[in-house]
C-alpha cells in the first residue's frame, strides 16, 4: 500500500452506526457496494461498530463529516445526537430518495443549510 504522508487522519476499522458493538457487513462483488443492512445476501463479515458520539473527544470540533453508507445514513445520524453542534458541515448521500424531505427537515432543525 502506498504511504500518503498525511498526519491528521486516523483510520479506524469500524462501522459508524447508532450503537457501539458489532454487526454484520454484507459483502458484495465490488467493495463500494458492501451493506450494513441485510438484502438477503449470504456472505458477510462481522465488524465492530461505534457512534460519532463515542468517537469525538471532548472539546473537539469537526469541519466536515461525509456519510456514504448505502442506506444506513439514518442509523449514523441517530448515533450523532450529542455531537451535532460540534460538526460544521455534513455531506450526506441519501440512499432512499423518498426520505429527501426528512433529511431536509433534519438539516434545518439543526441549523444546517440543505441543498
PDB file of N, CA and C in Angstrom:
ATOM      1  N   UNK A   1       0.842  -1.175   0.000  1.00  0.00           N
ATOM      2  CA  UNK A   1       0.000   0.000   0.000  1.00  0.00           C
ATOM      3  C   UNK A   1       0.889   1.241   0.000  1.00  0.00           C
ATOM      4  N   UNK A   2       0.474   2.252  -0.747  1.00  0.00           N
ATOM      5  CA  UNK A   2       1.218   3.490  -0.871  1.00  0.00           C
ATOM      6  C   UNK A   2       1.028   4.352   0.370  1.00  0.00           C
ATOM      7  N   UNK A   3       2.118   4.893   0.902  1.00  0.00           N
ATOM      8  CA  UNK A   3       2.045   5.787   2.053  1.00  0.00           C
ATOM      9  C   UNK A   3       1.734   7.193   1.560  1.00  0.00           C
ATOM     10  N   UNK A   4       0.718   7.831   2.138  1.00  0.00           N
ATOM     11  CA  UNK A   4       0.279   9.148   1.678  1.00  0.00           C
ATOM     12  C   UNK A   4       0.885  10.311   2.451  1.00  0.00           C
ATOM     13  N   UNK A   5       1.543  10.035   3.566  1.00  0.00           N
ATOM     14  CA  UNK A   5       2.186  11.062   4.390  1.00  0.00           C
ATOM     15  C   UNK A   5       1.203  12.116   4.881  1.00  0.00           C
ATOM     16  N   UNK A   6       0.022  11.680   5.250  1.00  0.00           N
ATOM     17  CA  UNK A   6      -0.975  12.558   5.857  1.00  0.00           C
ATOM     18  C   UNK A   6      -0.930  12.293   7.349  1.00  0.00           C
ATOM     19  N   UNK A   7      -0.815  13.352   8.147  1.00  0.00           N
ATOM     20  CA  UNK A   7      -0.598  13.166   9.575  1.00  0.00           C
ATOM     21  C   UNK A   7      -1.799  13.521  10.444  1.00  0.00           C
ATOM     22  N   UNK A   8      -2.854  14.076   9.866  1.00  0.00           N
ATOM     23  CA  UNK A   8      -4.009  14.460  10.685  1.00  0.00           C
ATOM     24  C   UNK A   8      -5.215  13.565  10.428  1.00  0.00           C
ATOM     25  N   UNK A   9      -4.962  12.320  10.004  1.00  0.00           N
ATOM     26  CA  UNK A   9      -6.031  11.367   9.716  1.00  0.00           C
ATOM     27  C   UNK A   9      -5.769  10.083  10.497  1.00  0.00           C
ATOM     28  N   UNK A  10      -6.816   9.560  11.117  1.00  0.00           N
ATOM     29  CA  UNK A  10      -6.712   8.282  11.810  1.00  0.00           C
ATOM     30  C   UNK A  10      -7.683   7.314  11.148  1.00  0.00           C
ATOM     31  N   UNK A  11      -7.178   6.201  10.663  1.00  0.00           N
ATOM     32  CA  UNK A  11      -8.027   5.178  10.068  1.00  0.00           C
ATOM     33  C   UNK A  11      -8.463   4.229  11.173  1.00  0.00           C
ATOM     34  N   UNK A  12      -9.764   4.015  11.258  1.00  0.00           N
ATOM     35  CA  UNK A  12     -10.306   3.132  12.288  1.00  0.00           C
ATOM     36  C   UNK A  12     -11.142   2.073  11.600  1.00  0.00           C
ATOM     37  N   UNK A  13     -10.811   0.808  11.781  1.00  0.00           N
ATOM     38  CA  UNK A  13     -11.570  -0.269  11.125  1.00  0.00           C
ATOM     39  C   UNK A  13     -12.885  -0.554  11.843  1.00  0.00           C
ATOM     40  N   UNK A  14     -13.796   0.417  11.790  1.00  0.00           N
ATOM     41  CA  UNK A  14     -15.088   0.294  12.460  1.00  0.00           C
ATOM     42  C   UNK A  14     -16.165   0.831  11.544  1.00  0.00           C
ATOM     43  N   UNK A  15     -17.375   0.334  11.735  1.00  0.00           N
ATOM     44  CA  UNK A  15     -18.544   0.874  11.049  1.00  0.00           C
ATOM     45  C   UNK A  15     -19.197   1.889  11.976  1.00  0.00           C
ATOM     46  N   UNK A  16     -19.572   3.040  11.444  1.00  0.00           N
ATOM     47  CA  UNK A  16     -20.248   4.063  12.236  1.00  0.00           C
ATOM     48  C   UNK A  16     -21.751   3.812  12.128  1.00  0.00           C
ATOM     49  N   UNK A  17     -22.392   3.628  13.274  1.00  0.00           N
ATOM     50  CA  UNK A  17     -23.837   3.371  13.317  1.00  0.00           C
ATOM     51  C   UNK A  17     -24.451   4.100  14.506  1.00  0.00           C
ATOM     52  N   UNK A  18     -25.548   3.582  15.010  1.00  0.00           N
ATOM     53  CA  UNK A  18     -26.250   4.187  16.139  1.00  0.00           C
ATOM     54  C   UNK A  18     -25.966   3.485  17.466  1.00  0.00           C
ATOM     55  N   UNK A  19     -25.004   2.546  17.472  1.00  0.00           N
ATOM     56  CA  UNK A  19     -24.681   1.842  18.719  1.00  0.00           C
ATOM     57  C   UNK A  19     -23.252   1.322  18.668  1.00  0.00           C
ATOM     58  N   UNK A  20     -22.659   1.192  19.834  1.00  0.00           N
ATOM     59  CA  UNK A  20     -21.345   0.558  19.944  1.00  0.00           C
ATOM     60  C   UNK A  20     -21.577  -0.945  20.062  1.00  0.00           C
ATOM     61  N   UNK A  21     -20.798  -1.733  19.356  1.00  0.00           N
ATOM     62  CA  UNK A  21     -20.952  -3.184  19.417  1.00  0.00           C
ATOM     63  C   UNK A  21     -20.405  -3.837  18.169  1.00  0.00           C
ATOM     64  N   UNK A  22     -21.154  -4.777  17.624  1.00  0.00           N
ATOM     65  CA  UNK A  22     -20.782  -5.463  16.385  1.00  0.00           C
ATOM     66  C   UNK A  22     -22.030  -5.617  15.520  1.00  0.00           C
ATOM     67  N   UNK A  23     -21.801  -5.763  14.223  1.00  0.00           N
ATOM     68  CA  UNK A  23     -22.889  -6.005  13.283  1.00  0.00           C
ATOM     69  C   UNK A  23     -22.339  -6.770  12.095  1.00  0.00           C
ATOM     70  N   UNK A  24     -23.229  -7.189  11.229  1.00  0.00           N
ATOM     71  CA  UNK A  24     -22.825  -7.883  10.006  1.00  0.00           C
ATOM     72  C   UNK A  24     -22.634  -6.875   8.877  1.00  0.00           C
ATOM     73  N   UNK A  25     -21.556  -7.040   8.138  1.00  0.00           N
ATOM     74  CA  UNK A  25     -21.307  -6.280   6.918  1.00  0.00           C
ATOM     75  C   UNK A  25     -21.500  -7.254   5.770  1.00  0.00           C
ATOM     76  N   UNK A  26     -22.572  -7.053   5.009  1.00  0.00           N
ATOM     77  CA  UNK A  26     -22.902  -7.960   3.914  1.00  0.00           C
ATOM     78  C   UNK A  26     -22.034  -7.631   2.712  1.00  0.00           C
ATOM     79  N   UNK A  27     -21.349  -8.644   2.207  1.00  0.00           N
ATOM     80  CA  UNK A  27     -20.337  -8.462   1.179  1.00  0.00           C
ATOM     81  C   UNK A  27     -20.955  -8.470  -0.216  1.00  0.00           C
ATOM     82  N   UNK A  28     -20.390  -7.633  -1.086  1.00  0.00           N
ATOM     83  CA  UNK A  28     -20.782  -7.581  -2.492  1.00  0.00           C
ATOM     84  C   UNK A  28     -19.554  -7.857  -3.348  1.00  0.00           C
ATOM     85  N   UNK A  29     -19.752  -8.024  -4.636  1.00  0.00           N
ATOM     86  CA  UNK A  29     -18.615  -8.310  -5.521  1.00  0.00           C
ATOM     87  C   UNK A  29     -17.704  -7.104  -5.674  1.00  0.00           C
ATOM     88  N   UNK A  30     -18.232  -5.894  -5.489  1.00  0.00           N
ATOM     89  CA  UNK A  30     -17.447  -4.664  -5.573  1.00  0.00           C
ATOM     90  C   UNK A  30     -17.388  -4.047  -4.180  1.00  0.00           C
ATOM     91  N   UNK A  31     -16.206  -3.611  -3.724  1.00  0.00           N
ATOM     92  CA  UNK A  31     -16.050  -3.138  -2.346  1.00  0.00           C
ATOM     93  C   UNK A  31     -16.913  -1.921  -2.045  1.00  0.00           C
ATOM     94  N   UNK A  32     -17.291  -1.124  -3.022  1.00  0.00           N
ATOM     95  CA  UNK A  32     -18.131   0.035  -2.793  1.00  0.00           C
ATOM     96  C   UNK A  32     -19.593  -0.304  -2.627  1.00  0.00           C
ATOM     97  N   UNK A  33     -19.932  -1.586  -2.660  1.00  0.00           N
ATOM     98  CA  UNK A  33     -21.330  -1.991  -2.573  1.00  0.00           C
ATOM     99  C   UNK A  33     -21.643  -2.847  -1.348  1.00  0.00           C
ATOM    100  N   UNK A  34     -20.689  -2.984  -0.417  1.00  0.00           N
ATOM    101  CA  UNK A  34     -20.960  -3.718   0.813  1.00  0.00           C
ATOM    102  C   UNK A  34     -22.047  -2.976   1.589  1.00  0.00           C
ATOM    103  N   UNK A  35     -22.877  -3.699   2.327  1.00  0.00           N
ATOM    104  CA  UNK A  35     -24.019  -3.103   3.026  1.00  0.00           C
ATOM    105  C   UNK A  35     -24.082  -3.527   4.484  1.00  0.00           C
ATOM    106  N   UNK A  36     -24.528  -2.622   5.328  1.00  0.00           N
ATOM    107  CA  UNK A  36     -24.786  -2.953   6.723  1.00  0.00           C
ATOM    108  C   UNK A  36     -26.220  -3.421   6.921  1.00  0.00           C
ATOM    109  N   UNK A  37     -27.068  -3.123   5.966  1.00  0.00           N
ATOM    110  CA  UNK A  37     -28.461  -3.551   6.031  1.00  0.00           C
ATOM    111  C   UNK A  37     -28.625  -4.801   5.177  1.00  0.00           C
ATOM    112  N   UNK A  38     -29.255  -5.807   5.705  1.00  0.00           N
ATOM    113  CA  UNK A  38     -29.394  -7.073   5.000  1.00  0.00           C
ATOM    114  C   UNK A  38     -30.257  -6.929   3.751  1.00  0.00           C
ATOM    115  N   UNK A  39     -29.771  -7.523   2.676  1.00  0.00           N
ATOM    116  CA  UNK A  39     -30.540  -7.558   1.433  1.00  0.00           C
ATOM    117  C   UNK A  39     -30.722  -8.999   0.987  1.00  0.00           C
ATOM    118  N   UNK A  40     -30.546  -9.928   1.908  1.00  0.00           N
ATOM    119  CA  UNK A  40     -30.684 -11.335   1.573  1.00  0.00           C
ATOM    120  C   UNK A  40     -29.393 -11.967   1.092  1.00  0.00           C
ATOM    121  N   UNK A  41     -28.311 -11.185   1.057  1.00  0.00           N
ATOM    122  CA  UNK A  41     -27.027 -11.744   0.649  1.00  0.00           C
ATOM    123  C   UNK A  41     -26.522 -12.664   1.752  1.00  0.00           C
ATOM    124  N   UNK A  42     -25.914 -13.767   1.367  1.00  0.00           N
ATOM    125  CA  UNK A  42     -25.467 -14.747   2.355  1.00  0.00           C
ATOM    126  C   UNK A  42     -24.103 -14.436   2.952  1.00  0.00           C
ATOM    127  N   UNK A  43     -23.213 -13.878   2.177  1.00  0.00           N
ATOM    128  CA  UNK A  43     -21.843 -13.665   2.616  1.00  0.00           C
ATOM    129  C   UNK A  43     -21.738 -12.383   3.451  1.00  0.00           C
ATOM    130  N   UNK A  44     -21.154 -12.514   4.636  1.00  0.00           N
ATOM    131  CA  UNK A  44     -20.964 -11.332   5.477  1.00  0.00           C
ATOM    132  C   UNK A  44     -19.739 -11.510   6.357  1.00  0.00           C
ATOM    133  N   UNK A  45     -19.269 -10.389   6.872  1.00  0.00           N
ATOM    134  CA  UNK A  45     -18.213 -10.362   7.879  1.00  0.00           C
ATOM    135  C   UNK A  45     -18.777  -9.655   9.098  1.00  0.00           C
ATOM    136  N   UNK A  46     -18.318 -10.034  10.266  1.00  0.00           N
ATOM    137  CA  UNK A  46     -18.723  -9.343  11.485  1.00  0.00           C
ATOM    138  C   UNK A  46     -17.736  -8.203  11.703  1.00  0.00           C
ATOM    139  N   UNK A  47     -18.277  -6.984  11.880  1.00  0.00           N
ATOM    140  CA  UNK A  47     -17.430  -5.806  12.067  1.00  0.00           C
ATOM    141  C   UNK A  47     -17.809  -5.087  13.351  1.00  0.00           C
ATOM    142  N   UNK A  48     -16.842  -4.413  13.920  1.00  0.00           N
ATOM    143  CA  UNK A  48     -17.074  -3.613  15.119  1.00  0.00           C
ATOM    144  C   UNK A  48     -17.786  -2.328  14.724  1.00  0.00           C
ATOM    145  N   UNK A  49     -18.724  -1.881  15.564  1.00  0.00           N
ATOM    146  CA  UNK A  49     -19.443  -0.635  15.311  1.00  0.00           C
ATOM    147  C   UNK A  49     -19.202   0.355  16.437  1.00  0.00           C
ATOM    148  N   UNK A  50     -19.345   1.621  16.098  1.00  0.00           N
ATOM    149  CA  UNK A  50     -19.279   2.698  17.082  1.00  0.00           C
ATOM    150  C   UNK A  50     -20.166   3.821  16.594  1.00  0.00           C
ATOM    151  N   UNK A  51     -20.315   4.847  17.400  1.00  0.00           N
ATOM    152  CA  UNK A  51     -21.108   6.017  17.020  1.00  0.00           C
ATOM    153  C   UNK A  51     -20.190   7.226  16.918  1.00  0.00           C
ATOM    154  N   UNK A  52     -20.654   8.258  16.235  1.00  0.00           N
ATOM    155  CA  UNK A  52     -19.892   9.513  16.246  1.00  0.00           C
ATOM    156  C   UNK A  52     -19.832  10.067  17.654  1.00  0.00           C
ATOM    157  N   UNK A  53     -20.895   9.870  18.444  1.00  0.00           N
ATOM    158  CA  UNK A  53     -20.876  10.314  19.838  1.00  0.00           C
ATOM    159  C   UNK A  53     -19.698   9.707  20.593  1.00  0.00           C
ATOM    160  N   UNK A  54     -19.402   8.441  20.337  1.00  0.00           N
ATOM    161  CA  UNK A  54     -18.311   7.753  21.032  1.00  0.00           C
ATOM    162  C   UNK A  54     -16.936   8.165  20.512  1.00  0.00           C
ATOM    163  N   UNK A  55     -16.863   8.532  19.254  1.00  0.00           N
ATOM    164  CA  UNK A  55     -15.568   8.843  18.648  1.00  0.00           C
ATOM    165  C   UNK A  55     -15.035  10.228  18.992  1.00  0.00           C
ATOM    166  N   UNK A  56     -15.901  11.195  19.045  1.00  0.00           N
ATOM    167  CA  UNK A  56     -15.449  12.566  19.224  1.00  0.00           C
ATOM    168  C   UNK A  56     -15.035  12.808  20.664  1.00  0.00           C
ATOM    169  N   UNK A  57     -13.819  13.289  20.827  1.00  0.00           N
ATOM    170  CA  UNK A  57     -13.304  13.575  22.165  1.00  0.00           C
ATOM    171  C   UNK A  57     -13.815  14.944  22.634  1.00  0.00           C
ATOM    172  N   UNK A  58     -13.891  15.106  23.925  1.00  0.00           N
ATOM    173  CA  UNK A  58     -14.394  16.354  24.496  1.00  0.00           C
ATOM    174  C   UNK A  58     -13.580  17.540  23.979  1.00  0.00           C
ATOM    175  N   UNK A  59     -14.276  18.565  23.557  1.00  0.00           N
ATOM    176  CA  UNK A  59     -13.618  19.768  23.062  1.00  0.00           C
ATOM    177  C   UNK A  59     -13.287  19.751  21.579  1.00  0.00           C
ATOM    178  N   UNK A  60     -13.380  18.595  20.934  1.00  0.00           N
ATOM    179  CA  UNK A  60     -13.074  18.513  19.506  1.00  0.00           C
ATOM    180  C   UNK A  60     -14.203  19.089  18.675  1.00  0.00           C
ATOM    181  N   UNK A  61     -13.818  19.709  17.567  1.00  0.00           N
ATOM    182  CA  UNK A  61     -14.763  20.197  16.577  1.00  0.00           C
ATOM    183  C   UNK A  61     -14.374  19.573  15.248  1.00  0.00           C
ATOM    184  N   UNK A  62     -15.363  19.200  14.458  1.00  0.00           N
ATOM    185  CA  UNK A  62     -15.127  18.555  13.169  1.00  0.00           C
ATOM    186  C   UNK A  62     -15.573  19.511  12.067  1.00  0.00           C
ATOM    187  N   UNK A  63     -14.712  19.723  11.083  1.00  0.00           N
ATOM    188  CA  UNK A  63     -15.071  20.600   9.967  1.00  0.00           C
ATOM    189  C   UNK A  63     -16.129  19.977   9.075  1.00  0.00           C
ATOM    190  N   UNK A  64     -15.960  18.695   8.747  1.00  0.00           N
ATOM    191  CA  UNK A  64     -16.862  18.066   7.793  1.00  0.00           C
ATOM    192  C   UNK A  64     -16.936  16.566   8.037  1.00  0.00           C
ATOM    193  N   UNK A  65     -18.150  16.030   7.980  1.00  0.00           N
ATOM    194  CA  UNK A  65     -18.356  14.586   8.022  1.00  0.00           C
ATOM    195  C   UNK A  65     -19.063  14.190   6.736  1.00  0.00           C
ATOM    196  N   UNK A  66     -18.508  13.224   6.036  1.00  0.00           N
ATOM    197  CA  UNK A  66     -19.148  12.690   4.831  1.00  0.00           C
ATOM    198  C   UNK A  66     -19.771  11.351   5.188  1.00  0.00           C
ATOM    199  N   UNK A  67     -21.064  11.203   4.871  1.00  0.00           N
ATOM    200  CA  UNK A  67     -21.791   9.971   5.156  1.00  0.00           C
ATOM    201  C   UNK A  67     -22.225   9.365   3.828  1.00  0.00           C
ATOM    202  N   UNK A  68     -21.628   8.234   3.487  1.00  0.00           N
ATOM    203  CA  UNK A  68     -21.962   7.494   2.262  1.00  0.00           C
ATOM    204  C   UNK A  68     -22.002   6.028   2.666  1.00  0.00           C
ATOM    205  N   UNK A  69     -23.161   5.593   3.159  1.00  0.00           N
ATOM    206  CA  UNK A  69     -23.249   4.292   3.813  1.00  0.00           C
ATOM    207  C   UNK A  69     -24.351   3.399   3.249  1.00  0.00           C
ATOM    208  N   UNK A  70     -24.692   3.616   1.997  1.00  0.00           N
ATOM    209  CA  UNK A  70     -25.586   2.719   1.253  1.00  0.00           C
ATOM    210  C   UNK A  70     -26.854   2.346   2.000  1.00  0.00           C
ATOM    211  N   UNK A  71     -27.572   3.351   2.474  1.00  0.00           N
ATOM    212  CA  UNK A  71     -28.865   3.089   3.097  1.00  0.00           C
ATOM    213  C   UNK A  71     -28.888   3.144   4.609  1.00  0.00           C
ATOM    214  N   UNK A  72     -27.746   3.214   5.261  1.00  0.00           N
ATOM    215  CA  UNK A  72     -27.707   3.233   6.724  1.00  0.00           C
ATOM    216  C   UNK A  72     -27.506   4.651   7.273  1.00  0.00           C
ATOM    217  N   UNK A  73     -27.769   5.670   6.438  1.00  0.00           N
ATOM    218  CA  UNK A  73     -27.490   7.043   6.872  1.00  0.00           C
ATOM    219  C   UNK A  73     -28.275   7.453   8.115  1.00  0.00           C
ATOM    220  N   UNK A  74     -29.505   6.972   8.260  1.00  0.00           N
ATOM    221  CA  UNK A  74     -30.294   7.351   9.440  1.00  0.00           C
ATOM    222  C   UNK A  74     -29.743   6.713  10.701  1.00  0.00           C
ATOM    223  N   UNK A  75     -29.159   5.521  10.588  1.00  0.00           N
ATOM    224  CA  UNK A  75     -28.522   4.894  11.750  1.00  0.00           C
ATOM    225  C   UNK A  75     -27.289   5.698  12.177  1.00  0.00           C
ATOM    226  N   UNK A  76     -26.540   6.185  11.212  1.00  0.00           N
ATOM    227  CA  UNK A  76     -25.371   7.018  11.514  1.00  0.00           C
ATOM    228  C   UNK A  76     -25.818   8.301  12.219  1.00  0.00           C
ATOM    229  N   UNK A  77     -26.837   8.948  11.691  1.00  0.00           N
ATOM    230  CA  UNK A  77     -27.310  10.203  12.275  1.00  0.00           C
ATOM    231  C   UNK A  77     -27.887   9.999  13.678  1.00  0.00           C
ATOM    232  N   UNK A  78     -28.548   8.859  13.914  1.00  0.00           N
ATOM    233  CA  UNK A  78     -29.065   8.554  15.259  1.00  0.00           C
ATOM    234  C   UNK A  78     -27.937   8.499  16.282  1.00  0.00           C
ATOM    235  N   UNK A  79     -26.770   8.048  15.884  1.00  0.00           N
ATOM    236  CA  UNK A  79     -25.631   7.944  16.789  1.00  0.00           C
ATOM    237  C   UNK A  79     -24.789   9.202  16.838  1.00  0.00           C
ATOM    238  N   UNK A  80     -25.341  10.320  16.364  1.00  0.00           N
ATOM    239  CA  UNK A  80     -24.592  11.569  16.291  1.00  0.00           C
ATOM    240  C   UNK A  80     -25.231  12.692  17.103  1.00  0.00           C
ATOM    241  N   UNK A  81     -26.281  12.392  17.813  1.00  0.00           N
ATOM    242  CA  UNK A  81     -27.055  13.422  18.502  1.00  0.00           C
ATOM    243  C   UNK A  81     -26.271  14.311  19.441  1.00  0.00           C
ATOM    244  N   UNK A  82     -25.337  13.759  20.178  1.00  0.00           N
ATOM    245  CA  UNK A  82     -24.595  14.533  21.174  1.00  0.00           C
ATOM    246  C   UNK A  82     -23.520  15.423  20.563  1.00  0.00           C
ATOM    247  N   UNK A  83     -23.125  15.162  19.327  1.00  0.00           N
ATOM    248  CA  UNK A  83     -22.015  15.912  18.734  1.00  0.00           C
ATOM    249  C   UNK A  83     -22.451  16.858  17.629  1.00  0.00           C
ATOM    250  N   UNK A  84     -23.744  16.925  17.344  1.00  0.00           N
ATOM    251  CA  UNK A  84     -24.249  17.725  16.230  1.00  0.00           C
ATOM    252  C   UNK A  84     -23.686  19.143  16.248  1.00  0.00           C
ATOM    253  N   UNK A  85     -23.710  19.795  17.392  1.00  0.00           N
ATOM    254  CA  UNK A  85     -23.263  21.181  17.468  1.00  0.00           C
ATOM    255  C   UNK A  85     -21.750  21.325  17.294  1.00  0.00           C
ATOM    256  N   UNK A  86     -21.018  20.229  17.281  1.00  0.00           N
ATOM    257  CA  UNK A  86     -19.566  20.262  17.118  1.00  0.00           C
ATOM    258  C   UNK A  86     -19.135  19.964  15.684  1.00  0.00           C
ATOM    259  N   UNK A  87     -20.108  19.797  14.773  1.00  0.00           N
ATOM    260  CA  UNK A  87     -19.819  19.484  13.372  1.00  0.00           C
ATOM    261  C   UNK A  87     -20.220  20.687  12.529  1.00  0.00           C
ATOM    262  N   UNK A  88     -19.244  21.256  11.807  1.00  0.00           N
ATOM    263  CA  UNK A  88     -19.518  22.438  10.991  1.00  0.00           C
ATOM    264  C   UNK A  88     -20.308  22.112   9.730  1.00  0.00           C
ATOM    265  N   UNK A  89     -20.163  20.908   9.199  1.00  0.00           N
ATOM    266  CA  UNK A  89     -20.884  20.568   7.980  1.00  0.00           C
ATOM    267  C   UNK A  89     -20.959  19.069   7.754  1.00  0.00           C
ATOM    268  N   UNK A  90     -21.990  18.676   7.035  1.00  0.00           N
ATOM    269  CA  UNK A  90     -22.208  17.276   6.683  1.00  0.00           C
ATOM    270  C   UNK A  90     -22.402  17.176   5.177  1.00  0.00           C
ATOM    271  N   UNK A  91     -21.875  16.140   4.580  1.00  0.00           N
ATOM    272  CA  UNK A  91     -22.207  15.752   3.214  1.00  0.00           C
ATOM    273  C   UNK A  91     -22.815  14.364   3.365  1.00  0.00           C
ATOM    274  N   UNK A  92     -24.110  14.254   3.045  1.00  0.00           N
ATOM    275  CA  UNK A  92     -24.821  13.000   3.264  1.00  0.00           C
ATOM    276  C   UNK A  92     -25.385  12.516   1.937  1.00  0.00           C
ATOM    277  N   UNK A  93     -24.910  11.352   1.492  1.00  0.00           N
ATOM    278  CA  UNK A  93     -25.506  10.730   0.311  1.00  0.00           C
ATOM    279  C   UNK A  93     -26.747   9.992   0.786  1.00  0.00           C
ATOM    280  N   UNK A  94     -27.892  10.454   0.337  1.00  0.00           N
ATOM    281  CA  UNK A  94     -29.151   9.863   0.750  1.00  0.00           C
ATOM    282  C   UNK A  94     -29.492   8.725  -0.196  1.00  0.00           C
ATOM    283  N   UNK A  95     -29.495   7.515   0.334  1.00  0.00           N
ATOM    284  CA  UNK A  95     -29.721   6.320  -0.474  1.00  0.00           C
ATOM    285  C   UNK A  95     -31.192   6.164  -0.855  1.00  0.00           C
ATOM    286  N   UNK A  96     -32.084   6.544   0.043  1.00  0.00           N
ATOM    287  CA  UNK A  96     -33.527   6.426  -0.181  1.00  0.00           C
ATOM    288  C   UNK A  96     -34.080   7.823  -0.481  1.00  0.00           C
ATOM    289  N   UNK A  97     -34.236   8.131  -1.752  1.00  0.00           N
ATOM    290  CA  UNK A  97     -34.669   9.471  -2.177  1.00  0.00           C
ATOM    291  C   UNK A  97     -36.066   9.830  -1.697  1.00  0.00           C
ATOM    292  N   UNK A  98     -36.850   8.847  -1.285  1.00  0.00           N
ATOM    293  CA  UNK A  98     -38.186   9.159  -0.775  1.00  0.00           C
ATOM    294  C   UNK A  98     -38.102   9.851   0.586  1.00  0.00           C
ATOM    295  N   UNK A  99     -36.929   9.859   1.196  1.00  0.00           N
ATOM    296  CA  UNK A  99     -36.750  10.496   2.502  1.00  0.00           C
ATOM    297  C   UNK A  99     -36.065  11.861   2.386  1.00  0.00           C
ATOM    298  N   UNK A 100     -36.083  12.434   1.185  1.00  0.00           N
ATOM    299  CA  UNK A 100     -35.417  13.715   0.946  1.00  0.00           C
ATOM    300  C   UNK A 100     -35.973  14.821   1.850  1.00  0.00           C
ATOM    301  N   UNK A 101     -37.291  14.911   1.975  1.00  0.00           N
ATOM    302  CA  UNK A 101     -37.881  15.933   2.838  1.00  0.00           C
ATOM    303  C   UNK A 101     -37.466  15.730   4.291  1.00  0.00           C
ATOM    304  N   UNK A 102     -37.348  14.491   4.694  1.00  0.00           N
ATOM    305  CA  UNK A 102     -36.959  14.191   6.078  1.00  0.00           C
ATOM    306  C   UNK A 102     -35.524  14.655   6.354  1.00  0.00           C
ATOM    307  N   UNK A 103     -34.618  14.438   5.410  1.00  0.00           N
ATOM    308  CA  UNK A 103     -33.232  14.876   5.622  1.00  0.00           C
ATOM    309  C   UNK A 103     -33.150  16.406   5.577  1.00  0.00           C
ATOM    310  N   UNK A 104     -33.992  17.033   4.761  1.00  0.00           N
ATOM    311  CA  UNK A 104     -34.036  18.492   4.718  1.00  0.00           C
ATOM    312  C   UNK A 104     -34.503  19.047   6.065  1.00  0.00           C
ATOM    313  N   UNK A 105     -35.540  18.450   6.640  1.00  0.00           N
ATOM    314  CA  UNK A 105     -36.029  18.877   7.958  1.00  0.00           C
ATOM    315  C   UNK A 105     -34.975  18.642   9.037  1.00  0.00           C
ATOM    316  N   UNK A 106     -34.305  17.491   8.968  1.00  0.00           N
ATOM    317  CA  UNK A 106     -33.233  17.184   9.928  1.00  0.00           C
ATOM    318  C   UNK A 106     -32.176  18.280   9.867  1.00  0.00           C
ATOM    319  N   UNK A 107     -31.800  18.679   8.661  1.00  0.00           N
ATOM    320  CA  UNK A 107     -30.771  19.701   8.464  1.00  0.00           C
ATOM    321  C   UNK A 107     -31.221  21.054   9.011  1.00  0.00           C
ATOM    322  N   UNK A 108     -32.403  21.471   8.646  1.00  0.00           N
ATOM    323  CA  UNK A 108     -32.918  22.775   9.080  1.00  0.00           C
ATOM    324  C   UNK A 108     -33.051  22.849  10.594  1.00  0.00           C
ATOM    325  N   UNK A 109     -33.539  21.767  11.202  1.00  0.00           N
ATOM    326  CA  UNK A 109     -33.734  21.732  12.651  1.00  0.00           C
ATOM    327  C   UNK A 109     -32.417  21.936  13.401  1.00  0.00           C
ATOM    328  N   UNK A 110     -31.319  21.576  12.762  1.00  0.00           N
ATOM    329  CA  UNK A 110     -30.002  21.668  13.395  1.00  0.00           C
ATOM    330  C   UNK A 110     -29.187  22.832  12.834  1.00  0.00           C
ATOM    331  N   UNK A 111     -29.864  23.764  12.169  1.00  0.00           N
ATOM    332  CA  UNK A 111     -29.251  24.969  11.617  1.00  0.00           C
ATOM    333  C   UNK A 111     -28.205  24.728  10.546  1.00  0.00           C
ATOM    334  N   UNK A 112     -28.376  23.653   9.781  1.00  0.00           N
ATOM    335  CA  UNK A 112     -27.525  23.408   8.619  1.00  0.00           C
ATOM    336  C   UNK A 112     -28.278  23.857   7.378  1.00  0.00           C
ATOM    337  N   UNK A 113     -27.531  24.272   6.372  1.00  0.00           N
ATOM    338  CA  UNK A 113     -28.124  24.600   5.084  1.00  0.00           C
ATOM    339  C   UNK A 113     -28.268  23.305   4.300  1.00  0.00           C
ATOM    340  N   UNK A 114     -29.400  23.159   3.630  1.00  0.00           N
ATOM    341  CA  UNK A 114     -29.653  21.946   2.848  1.00  0.00           C
ATOM    342  C   UNK A 114     -29.658  22.315   1.377  1.00  0.00           C
ATOM    343  N   UNK A 115     -28.991  21.490   0.570  1.00  0.00           N
ATOM    344  CA  UNK A 115     -29.086  21.651  -0.889  1.00  0.00           C
ATOM    345  C   UNK A 115     -28.797  20.342  -1.568  1.00  0.00           C
TER     346      UNK A 115
END
